[in-house]
Every structure is written in C-alpha cells, then in structure tokens.
N, C-alpha and C. Protein backbone atom coordinates (compact mmCIF):
# COMPACT_ATOMS: atom_id res chain seq x y z
N UNK A 1 -24.42 23.63 -0.98
CA UNK A 1 -23.30 23.07 0.15
C UNK A 1 -23.13 24.14 1.55
N UNK A 2 -23.05 23.89 3.04
CA UNK A 2 -22.95 24.07 3.83
C UNK A 2 -21.82 24.65 4.63
N UNK A 3 -21.61 25.31 5.55
CA UNK A 3 -20.03 25.99 5.83
C UNK A 3 -19.27 24.68 6.17
N UNK A 4 -19.55 23.58 6.70
CA UNK A 4 -18.67 22.34 7.14
C UNK A 4 -17.86 21.95 6.01
N UNK A 5 -19.06 21.72 4.66
CA UNK A 5 -18.67 21.12 3.58
C UNK A 5 -17.45 22.09 3.19
N UNK A 6 -17.65 23.33 2.80
CA UNK A 6 -16.81 24.62 2.25
C UNK A 6 -15.53 25.02 2.71
N UNK A 7 -15.08 24.47 3.83
CA UNK A 7 -13.72 24.50 4.77
C UNK A 7 -13.21 23.63 3.91
N UNK A 8 -11.98 24.23 4.39
CA UNK A 8 -10.92 23.22 3.48
C UNK A 8 -9.72 22.73 4.84
N UNK A 9 -9.55 21.81 4.64
CA UNK A 9 -8.16 21.46 5.82
C UNK A 9 -7.30 20.41 5.76
N UNK A 10 -6.07 20.56 6.15
CA UNK A 10 -5.09 20.09 5.64
C UNK A 10 -5.00 18.31 5.85
N UNK A 11 -4.58 17.67 4.90
CA UNK A 11 -4.99 15.89 4.95
C UNK A 11 -4.53 15.62 6.56
N UNK A 12 -3.37 16.03 6.58
CA UNK A 12 -2.40 15.76 8.11
C UNK A 12 -3.27 16.32 9.23
N UNK A 13 -4.23 17.18 9.23
CA UNK A 13 -5.29 17.42 10.49
C UNK A 13 -6.13 16.19 10.67
N UNK A 14 -6.92 15.74 9.59
CA UNK A 14 -8.08 14.59 9.64
C UNK A 14 -7.62 13.40 10.45
N UNK A 15 -9.00 13.10 10.67
CA UNK A 15 -9.09 12.12 11.75
C UNK A 15 -8.90 10.87 11.07
N UNK A 16 -8.34 9.73 11.53
CA UNK A 16 -8.80 8.33 10.75
C UNK A 16 -10.13 7.96 10.24
N UNK A 17 -10.01 7.66 9.31
CA UNK A 17 -11.80 7.55 8.55
C UNK A 17 -12.70 8.42 8.20
N UNK A 18 -12.00 9.44 8.13
CA UNK A 18 -11.99 11.16 7.47
C UNK A 18 -12.00 11.08 6.06
N UNK A 19 -13.01 11.27 5.17
CA UNK A 19 -12.90 11.82 4.04
C UNK A 19 -13.34 13.24 2.91
N UNK A 20 -12.88 13.44 2.27
CA UNK A 20 -13.10 14.51 1.21
C UNK A 20 -12.32 14.46 -0.05
N UNK A 21 -12.48 15.51 -0.86
CA UNK A 21 -11.55 15.82 -2.10
C UNK A 21 -10.66 16.41 -2.19
N UNK A 22 -9.58 16.61 -2.66
CA UNK A 22 -8.37 16.90 -2.64
C UNK A 22 -9.05 18.05 -3.75
N UNK A 23 -8.92 19.18 -3.59
CA UNK A 23 -8.81 20.96 -3.31
C UNK A 23 -7.61 21.38 -3.88
N UNK A 24 -6.92 21.43 -3.22
CA UNK A 24 -5.24 22.16 -3.58
C UNK A 24 -4.09 21.47 -2.62
N UNK A 25 -2.94 22.48 -3.27
CA UNK A 25 -1.72 22.00 -2.67
C UNK A 25 -1.66 23.72 -1.86
N UNK A 26 -0.51 23.48 -0.97
CA UNK A 26 0.18 24.56 -0.51
C UNK A 26 0.94 24.41 -0.78
N UNK A 27 1.31 25.76 -2.02
CA UNK A 27 2.65 25.80 -2.44
C UNK A 27 4.06 26.10 -1.93
N UNK A 28 3.90 25.85 -0.68
CA UNK A 28 5.64 26.74 -0.15
C UNK A 28 6.42 25.62 -0.39
N UNK A 29 6.25 24.38 -0.47
CA UNK A 29 7.04 23.58 -0.58
C UNK A 29 7.05 22.75 -2.33
N UNK A 30 7.45 23.54 -3.45
CA UNK A 30 6.79 23.49 -4.84
C UNK A 30 7.52 21.93 -5.14
N UNK A 31 8.76 21.85 -4.60
CA UNK A 31 9.43 20.53 -4.84
C UNK A 31 8.55 18.99 -4.22
N UNK A 32 8.21 19.74 -3.46
CA UNK A 32 7.48 18.03 -2.43
C UNK A 32 5.84 18.14 -3.03
N UNK A 33 5.20 19.47 -3.82
CA UNK A 33 3.98 19.32 -4.20
C UNK A 33 4.26 18.09 -5.99
N UNK A 34 5.05 18.51 -6.50
CA UNK A 34 5.64 17.78 -7.52
C UNK A 34 5.50 16.18 -7.77
N UNK A 35 6.39 16.04 -6.51
CA UNK A 35 6.59 14.85 -5.88
C UNK A 35 4.95 14.10 -5.62
N UNK A 36 4.49 15.01 -4.83
CA UNK A 36 2.51 14.47 -4.23
C UNK A 36 1.96 13.77 -5.75
N UNK A 37 2.27 14.80 -6.64
CA UNK A 37 1.67 14.88 -7.92
C UNK A 37 1.88 13.54 -8.39
N UNK A 38 3.30 13.57 -8.64
CA UNK A 38 3.82 12.40 -9.16
C UNK A 38 3.71 11.12 -8.59
N UNK A 39 2.68 10.93 -7.47
CA UNK A 39 2.67 9.74 -6.89
C UNK A 39 1.37 9.42 -6.68
N UNK A 40 0.43 10.36 -7.34
CA UNK A 40 -1.19 10.61 -7.95
C UNK A 40 -2.06 11.30 -7.40
N UNK A 41 -1.39 12.31 -6.39
CA UNK A 41 -2.31 13.34 -6.15
C UNK A 41 -2.44 13.98 -6.90
N UNK A 42 -4.12 14.79 -6.89
CA UNK A 42 -4.45 15.40 -8.01
C UNK A 42 -6.02 15.88 -7.43
N UNK A 43 -6.06 17.66 -7.71
CA UNK A 43 -7.33 18.25 -7.20
C UNK A 43 -8.52 17.02 -7.83
N UNK A 44 -9.43 16.89 -6.87
CA UNK A 44 -10.74 16.22 -7.68
C UNK A 44 -10.97 15.56 -7.02
N UNK A 45 -9.63 14.52 -6.48
CA UNK A 45 -9.86 13.19 -6.32
C UNK A 45 -10.47 12.70 -5.14
N UNK A 46 -10.84 11.69 -4.75
CA UNK A 46 -11.58 11.63 -3.40
C UNK A 46 -10.45 11.15 -2.82
N UNK A 47 -10.79 11.10 -1.70
CA UNK A 47 -9.53 11.08 -0.16
C UNK A 47 -9.96 10.02 0.90
N UNK A 48 -9.15 9.47 1.93
CA UNK A 48 -9.45 9.06 3.20
C UNK A 48 -8.67 8.87 3.64
N UNK A 49 -8.52 9.51 5.06
CA UNK A 49 -7.30 8.89 6.09
C UNK A 49 -7.54 7.59 6.52
N UNK A 50 -7.07 6.53 5.94
CA UNK A 50 -6.86 5.27 7.00
C UNK A 50 -6.56 5.02 8.06
N UNK A 51 -5.17 5.76 8.26
CA UNK A 51 -4.34 5.26 10.01
C UNK A 51 -3.54 6.35 9.94
N UNK A 52 -3.10 6.22 11.58
CA UNK A 52 -1.96 6.97 11.95
C UNK A 52 -1.44 6.11 12.49
N UNK A 53 0.08 6.50 12.43
CA UNK A 53 0.74 5.97 14.01
C UNK A 53 0.06 6.27 15.44
N UNK A 54 0.40 5.41 16.38
CA UNK A 54 -0.29 6.23 18.00
C UNK A 54 0.28 7.66 17.98
N UNK A 55 -0.58 8.28 18.89
CA UNK A 55 -0.12 9.28 19.47
C UNK A 55 0.01 10.45 18.42
N UNK A 56 -0.79 10.25 16.88
CA UNK A 56 -0.64 10.91 15.75
C UNK A 56 0.40 10.93 15.23
N UNK A 57 1.47 10.12 15.47
CA UNK A 57 2.47 10.45 14.33
C UNK A 57 2.63 10.09 13.55
N UNK A 58 3.97 9.76 12.70
CA UNK A 58 3.92 9.25 11.09
C UNK A 58 4.72 7.79 11.04
N UNK A 59 4.31 7.39 10.14
CA UNK A 59 3.24 7.52 8.99
C UNK A 59 1.71 7.54 9.07
N UNK A 60 1.26 8.16 7.86
CA UNK A 60 -0.70 8.35 8.01
C UNK A 60 -0.92 7.61 6.69
N UNK A 61 -1.42 6.65 6.40
CA UNK A 61 -1.63 5.79 5.71
C UNK A 61 -3.02 6.40 4.54
N UNK A 62 -2.76 6.98 3.41
CA UNK A 62 -4.30 7.62 3.09
C UNK A 62 -4.57 6.48 1.39
N UNK A 63 -5.59 6.40 1.46
CA UNK A 63 -6.52 6.05 -0.11
C UNK A 63 -6.80 7.13 -0.33
N UNK A 64 -6.12 7.47 -2.23
CA UNK A 64 -6.45 8.38 -2.93
C UNK A 64 -7.37 7.35 -4.03
N UNK A 65 -8.39 7.43 -4.19
CA UNK A 65 -8.88 6.71 -5.28
C UNK A 65 -8.92 5.20 -5.11
N UNK A 66 -8.40 4.03 -5.98
CA UNK A 66 -7.87 2.99 -5.24
C UNK A 66 -6.86 2.97 -5.03
N UNK A 67 -5.87 3.86 -4.82
CA UNK A 67 -4.42 3.42 -4.00
C UNK A 67 -4.21 3.75 -2.71
N UNK A 68 -3.45 3.28 -2.02
CA UNK A 68 -3.46 3.49 -0.74
C UNK A 68 -2.08 3.60 -0.69
N UNK A 69 -1.67 4.63 0.15
CA UNK A 69 -0.12 5.90 -0.10
C UNK A 69 0.22 6.18 1.91
N UNK A 70 1.01 5.40 1.95
CA UNK A 70 1.63 6.26 3.35
C UNK A 70 2.71 7.24 2.69
N UNK A 71 2.08 8.70 3.65
CA UNK A 71 2.78 9.94 4.07
C UNK A 71 3.41 10.07 5.51
N UNK A 72 4.55 10.92 5.10
CA UNK A 72 4.36 11.63 6.38
C UNK A 72 3.80 12.94 6.65
N UNK A 73 2.96 13.55 7.91
CA UNK A 73 1.99 14.32 8.22
C UNK A 73 2.93 15.66 7.50
N UNK A 74 4.00 15.83 7.66
CA UNK A 74 4.70 17.26 7.26
C UNK A 74 4.31 17.06 5.59
N UNK A 75 4.18 15.93 4.53
CA UNK A 75 3.55 15.82 3.45
C UNK A 75 2.30 16.11 3.29
N UNK A 76 1.65 15.46 4.25
CA UNK A 76 0.10 15.26 4.25
C UNK A 76 -0.36 16.61 4.31
N UNK A 77 0.19 17.49 4.95
CA UNK A 77 0.02 19.00 5.63
C UNK A 77 -0.09 20.14 4.00
N UNK A 78 0.46 19.95 3.19
CA UNK A 78 0.24 20.73 1.96
C UNK A 78 -0.50 19.81 0.98
N UNK A 79 -1.47 19.19 1.45
CA UNK A 79 -2.27 19.09 0.76
C UNK A 79 -3.77 19.13 1.25
N UNK A 80 -4.34 20.38 0.91
CA UNK A 80 -5.64 20.64 1.02
C UNK A 80 -7.04 19.85 0.89
N UNK A 81 -7.83 19.51 1.41
CA UNK A 81 -9.33 18.73 1.54
C UNK A 81 -10.03 19.51 1.92
N UNK A 82 -11.46 19.06 0.71
CA UNK A 82 -12.60 19.83 1.15
C UNK A 82 -13.22 18.45 1.94
N UNK A 83 -13.52 18.66 3.00
CA UNK A 83 -14.48 17.65 3.93
C UNK A 83 -15.90 17.33 2.80
N UNK A 84 -16.06 15.87 3.14
CA UNK A 84 -17.16 15.85 2.30
C UNK A 84 -18.41 14.87 3.44
C-alpha cells in the first residue's frame, strides 16, 4: 500500500465520486455512531460519495454497498474512510 491509501479521512470531507472503505468511527458522539450502525454503516464496507448539495452543504448522498443513504455532513464526519 502507499501513503495515500493508508490515510483515513472523514466521509464528509470527500468530493463527489470519491470512494473508499469504512475504516472506523469517531466515537465523540456514541449515540450517533449507534444510529449510523443501525442504518447499515460498518467497518470494511465499500462506500462512495455520490452527491452533495451546492456549495458543500447538506445533505450528501452516499452509496454503501448497494444502498443509498442521505446524511448530514456532521454525521458523515463521524465515519472515517480509507481511500481506495
């Protein structure tokens, strides 16, 4: 692996069209992390940022495996992604 693929970034900081794998969660908001897990986010899953509102606003559309989910950027920032 190279240094770029080893770097973890928050899902909310990705540009549309970027993809990666869910690596971990920022546990600063455990209740929100629990909700994200309940709707299908888990370590090791493929993820792609499909769309964001104009000017980097909310919401963003994310494909996780075969499911598409809309998230607020604040929620997406709790998900740490390894770029592939």
